[in-house]
Amino acid sequence: MCIAAFIWQAHPLYPLLLLQNRDEYHNRPTKALAWWDVDGCEILGGRDESTKSPMEFAEQLATGAHQYNGFNLIVADIPSKSMVYISNRPKGEPIDIQQVSPGIHVLSNAKLDSPWHKAQRLGKGFKQMLNRYGKNEVNVKEMVEKLMKDKVKADKSKLPGICALDMEFILSSIFVEMDTPLGLYGTRSTAAMTVGAGGEISFYDEYLEKGVWFERTVNYH
């Protein structure tokens, strides 16, 4: 159950500041964040070669969104200050497309800004830390350690009731650890990304590889 918190177009230094935990089975084959050398171009992560705006892309996706399993997708274009949220959840309901307003937002396995315990807890802590830093640069490593490693569970009476109670309770923390018949499941990586007003980007990443945690920072413009 992945989770992300971000502040969009509402910080004096960063048009976008993002924190994210990725949860999955520990034995799933994956590759950590890396620079790709494709056709002579250096790429960090994936590549979108479309010239569509976020809203144009969302509207095109919506025509076939019912063919996919449940998803949440956020598409953003920093220069045009446009961010769009698309979701086909809950199943059977119309596709949800909305412009993301400036401010603090949290996204987990529910819809954007849903009042789940872990989402509300992360949003509150994120806001408090941003207020503490004020107009100064943030220490993303500190934010990761204090916010994204949080193992506090929800009160069972406040769980959303979408799966078995015992499993839902284990998954209710921001940082997840769970032993299953298929192997260990939980948080395998934590990322923090800042995008500066001048286009400078810093990506801090902590990731689990063969039972050992590693960290790195990638800066580019």
Protein backbone atom coordinates (compact mmCIF):
# COMPACT_ATOMS: atom_id res chain seq x y z
CA MET A 1 0.00 0.00 0.00
CA CYS A 2 2.13 2.89 -1.29
CA ILE A 3 1.72 6.44 -0.03
CA ALA A 4 2.89 9.88 -1.12
CA ALA A 5 2.65 13.43 0.23
CA PHE A 6 3.45 16.54 -1.76
CA ILE A 7 3.12 20.28 -1.75
CA TRP A 8 2.26 21.82 -5.11
CA GLN A 9 2.73 25.48 -6.09
CA ALA A 10 2.45 26.62 -2.47
CA HIS A 11 6.05 26.77 -1.18
CA PRO A 12 8.34 29.81 -1.50
CA LEU A 13 11.27 27.72 -2.81
CA TYR A 14 9.77 24.63 -4.41
CA PRO A 15 7.01 24.47 -7.03
CA LEU A 16 6.92 20.77 -6.10
CA LEU A 17 8.20 18.88 -3.05
CA LEU A 18 7.33 15.17 -2.91
CA LEU A 19 7.76 12.33 -0.38
CA GLN A 20 6.87 8.77 -1.33
CA ASN A 21 6.99 5.20 0.03
CA ARG A 22 6.80 2.25 -2.37
CA ASP A 23 5.41 -0.98 -0.88
CA GLU A 24 5.67 -4.39 -2.52
CA TYR A 25 6.94 -7.94 -1.98
CA HIS A 26 10.62 -7.92 -1.08
CA ASN A 27 11.33 -10.77 -3.50
CA ARG A 28 9.83 -9.01 -6.53
CA PRO A 29 12.55 -8.36 -9.15
CA THR A 30 13.09 -4.60 -9.42
CA LYS A 31 15.80 -2.14 -10.33
CA ALA A 32 16.57 0.93 -8.27
CA LEU A 33 16.44 4.43 -9.68
CA ALA A 34 19.22 4.93 -12.22
CA TRP A 35 20.29 7.01 -15.18
CA TRP A 36 19.46 5.39 -18.51
CA ASP A 37 21.54 6.01 -21.63
CA VAL A 38 18.99 5.83 -24.45
CA ASP A 39 19.75 7.11 -27.93
CA GLY A 40 22.48 9.34 -26.55
CA CYS A 41 20.12 11.05 -24.07
CA GLU A 42 20.46 10.74 -20.30
CA ILE A 43 17.15 9.90 -18.63
CA LEU A 44 16.37 9.46 -14.96
CA GLY A 45 13.45 7.04 -14.67
CA GLY A 46 10.79 6.90 -17.36
CA ARG A 47 10.21 9.06 -20.38
CA ASP A 48 7.10 10.76 -21.74
CA GLU A 49 7.56 12.03 -25.28
CA SER A 50 4.03 13.38 -25.63
CA THR A 51 3.37 17.08 -26.23
CA LYS A 52 -0.08 16.89 -24.63
CA SER A 53 -0.92 18.99 -21.59
CA PRO A 54 -1.74 17.11 -18.36
CA MET A 55 -5.47 17.68 -18.90
CA GLU A 56 -5.36 16.57 -22.54
CA PHE A 57 -3.54 13.40 -21.51
CA ALA A 58 -6.06 12.73 -18.72
CA GLU A 59 -9.04 13.17 -21.02
CA GLN A 60 -7.52 10.79 -23.56
CA LEU A 61 -6.76 8.21 -20.87
CA ALA A 62 -10.30 8.44 -19.50
CA THR A 63 -11.78 6.99 -22.69
CA GLY A 64 -10.21 3.60 -21.92
CA ALA A 65 -9.69 3.81 -18.16
CA HIS A 66 -12.39 1.19 -17.49
CA GLN A 67 -10.14 -1.43 -19.13
CA TYR A 68 -7.49 -1.12 -16.41
CA ASN A 69 -7.34 -2.44 -12.87
CA GLY A 70 -7.83 0.23 -10.22
CA PHE A 71 -5.34 3.07 -10.48
CA ASN A 72 -4.50 6.58 -9.29
CA LEU A 73 -2.39 8.71 -11.62
CA ILE A 74 -1.03 12.23 -11.26
CA VAL A 75 0.37 14.06 -14.28
CA ALA A 76 2.13 17.39 -13.91
CA ASP A 77 3.85 19.98 -16.07
CA ILE A 78 5.97 22.29 -13.94
CA PRO A 79 6.43 25.19 -16.43
CA SER A 80 2.70 25.56 -17.07
CA LYS A 81 1.87 25.00 -13.37
CA SER A 82 -0.62 22.30 -14.34
CA MET A 83 -1.24 19.12 -12.33
CA VAL A 84 -4.09 16.70 -13.00
CA TYR A 85 -5.33 13.72 -10.97
CA ILE A 86 -6.98 10.76 -12.74
CA SER A 87 -8.58 7.73 -11.07
CA ASN A 88 -10.86 4.86 -12.10
CA ARG A 89 -11.73 4.04 -8.48
CA PRO A 90 -14.14 2.88 -7.14
CA LYS A 91 -14.87 0.31 -9.84
CA GLY A 92 -18.04 1.01 -11.78
CA GLU A 93 -18.12 4.73 -11.08
CA PRO A 94 -17.31 7.47 -13.64
CA ILE A 95 -13.65 8.26 -14.22
CA ASP A 96 -12.50 11.03 -11.89
CA ILE A 97 -10.43 13.81 -13.49
CA GLN A 98 -9.58 16.92 -11.52
CA GLN A 99 -7.09 19.75 -11.51
CA VAL A 100 -4.93 19.50 -8.40
CA SER A 101 -5.12 22.74 -6.45
CA PRO A 102 -2.06 24.43 -4.91
CA GLY A 103 -1.35 23.16 -1.42
CA ILE A 104 -0.57 19.96 0.48
CA HIS A 105 -2.00 16.66 -0.76
CA VAL A 106 -1.69 12.99 0.21
CA LEU A 107 -2.32 9.96 -1.98
CA SER A 108 -2.45 6.35 -0.80
CA ASN A 109 -4.42 3.38 -2.17
CA ALA A 110 -7.61 5.37 -1.74
CA LYS A 111 -8.40 8.47 -3.76
CA LEU A 112 -6.50 11.74 -3.49
CA ASP A 113 -6.84 13.29 -0.01
CA SER A 114 -9.04 10.49 1.31
CA PRO A 115 -9.41 10.59 5.12
CA TRP A 116 -7.55 7.34 5.86
CA HIS A 117 -5.54 7.22 9.08
CA LYS A 118 -2.12 6.93 7.42
CA ALA A 119 -2.94 9.66 4.89
CA GLN A 120 -4.17 12.08 7.56
CA ARG A 121 -1.21 11.29 9.83
CA LEU A 122 1.31 11.86 7.03
CA GLY A 123 -0.41 15.04 5.86
CA LYS A 124 -0.41 16.48 9.38
CA GLY A 125 3.26 15.65 9.98
CA PHE A 126 4.24 16.96 6.55
CA LYS A 127 2.52 20.27 7.19
CA GLN A 128 4.13 20.62 10.62
CA MET A 129 7.62 20.04 9.26
CA LEU A 130 7.10 22.48 6.40
CA ASN A 131 5.92 25.10 8.88
CA ARG A 132 9.02 24.49 10.99
CA TYR A 133 11.32 25.08 8.03
CA GLY A 134 9.34 28.14 6.97
CA LYS A 135 10.93 29.86 3.97
CA ASN A 136 14.22 27.99 4.36
CA GLU A 137 15.46 24.98 2.43
CA VAL A 138 14.14 21.68 3.77
CA ASN A 139 16.27 18.76 4.89
CA VAL A 140 14.66 15.95 2.91
CA LYS A 141 16.62 13.23 4.70
CA GLU A 142 15.24 14.45 8.02
CA MET A 143 11.73 14.52 6.56
CA VAL A 144 12.13 10.95 5.32
CA GLU A 145 13.37 9.68 8.67
CA LYS A 146 10.71 11.43 10.75
CA LEU A 147 7.72 11.01 8.45
CA MET A 148 8.18 8.09 6.07
CA LYS A 149 9.59 5.60 8.60
CA ASP A 150 6.56 6.00 10.87
CA LYS A 151 5.27 2.57 12.00
CA VAL A 152 2.33 3.77 14.12
CA LYS A 153 -0.83 1.77 13.33
CA ALA A 154 -4.39 3.03 13.21
CA ASP A 155 -6.97 2.28 15.85
CA LYS A 156 -8.87 -0.75 14.54
CA SER A 157 -12.14 1.12 14.91
CA LYS A 158 -10.92 3.70 12.36
CA LEU A 159 -9.87 1.32 9.58
CA PRO A 160 -11.64 1.83 6.21
CA GLY A 161 -12.87 -1.78 6.00
CA ILE A 162 -11.70 -2.69 2.51
CA CYS A 163 -10.00 -6.01 3.36
CA ALA A 164 -9.44 -8.44 6.26
CA LEU A 165 -9.15 -6.55 9.55
CA ASP A 166 -5.80 -8.05 10.62
CA MET A 167 -4.17 -7.29 7.27
CA GLU A 168 -5.68 -3.81 7.13
CA PHE A 169 -4.31 -3.09 10.60
CA ILE A 170 -0.76 -4.05 9.55
CA LEU A 171 -1.04 -1.93 6.40
CA SER A 172 -2.36 1.09 8.31
CA SER A 173 1.08 2.54 9.12
CA ILE A 174 3.04 4.82 6.81
CA PHE A 175 6.01 2.43 6.82
CA VAL A 176 4.85 -1.14 6.28
CA GLU A 177 6.41 -4.46 7.36
CA MET A 178 4.50 -7.73 6.98
CA ASP A 179 5.38 -11.42 6.73
CA THR A 180 3.11 -13.34 4.35
CA PRO A 181 2.98 -16.88 2.91
CA LEU A 182 4.44 -15.39 -0.29
CA GLY A 183 7.33 -13.74 1.54
CA LEU A 184 8.04 -10.39 3.15
CA TYR A 185 5.88 -7.49 2.04
CA GLY A 186 6.31 -3.85 2.88
CA THR A 187 8.12 -0.60 2.20
CA ARG A 188 11.04 -1.24 -0.16
CA SER A 189 11.97 2.31 -1.03
CA THR A 190 11.45 5.87 0.14
CA ALA A 191 12.01 8.87 -2.09
CA ALA A 192 12.05 12.63 -1.63
CA MET A 193 12.12 14.99 -4.59
CA THR A 194 12.41 18.77 -4.67
CA VAL A 195 11.91 20.90 -7.77
CA GLY A 196 13.30 24.41 -7.44
CA ALA A 197 11.92 27.56 -9.02
CA GLY A 198 14.84 27.61 -11.46
CA GLY A 199 14.24 24.04 -12.61
CA GLU A 200 16.89 22.42 -10.42
CA ILE A 201 15.88 18.98 -9.19
CA SER A 202 17.16 16.93 -6.27
CA PHE A 203 16.11 13.30 -5.82
CA TYR A 204 16.94 11.54 -2.54
CA ASP A 205 16.34 7.81 -2.47
CA GLU A 206 16.55 5.09 0.20
CA TYR A 207 16.05 1.57 -1.13
CA LEU A 208 16.18 -2.02 0.09
CA GLU A 209 18.37 -4.47 -1.81
CA LYS A 210 18.91 -8.07 -0.61
CA GLY A 211 17.94 -7.10 2.92
CA VAL A 212 20.27 -4.08 3.10
CA TRP A 213 19.21 -0.42 2.95
CA PHE A 214 21.15 1.95 0.68
CA GLU A 215 20.77 5.66 0.00
CA ARG A 216 21.78 8.13 -2.68
CA THR A 217 21.07 11.62 -3.95
CA VAL A 218 20.80 12.63 -7.60
CA ASN A 219 20.93 16.31 -8.55
CA TYR A 220 20.26 17.62 -12.04
CA HIS A 221 18.83 20.57 -13.94
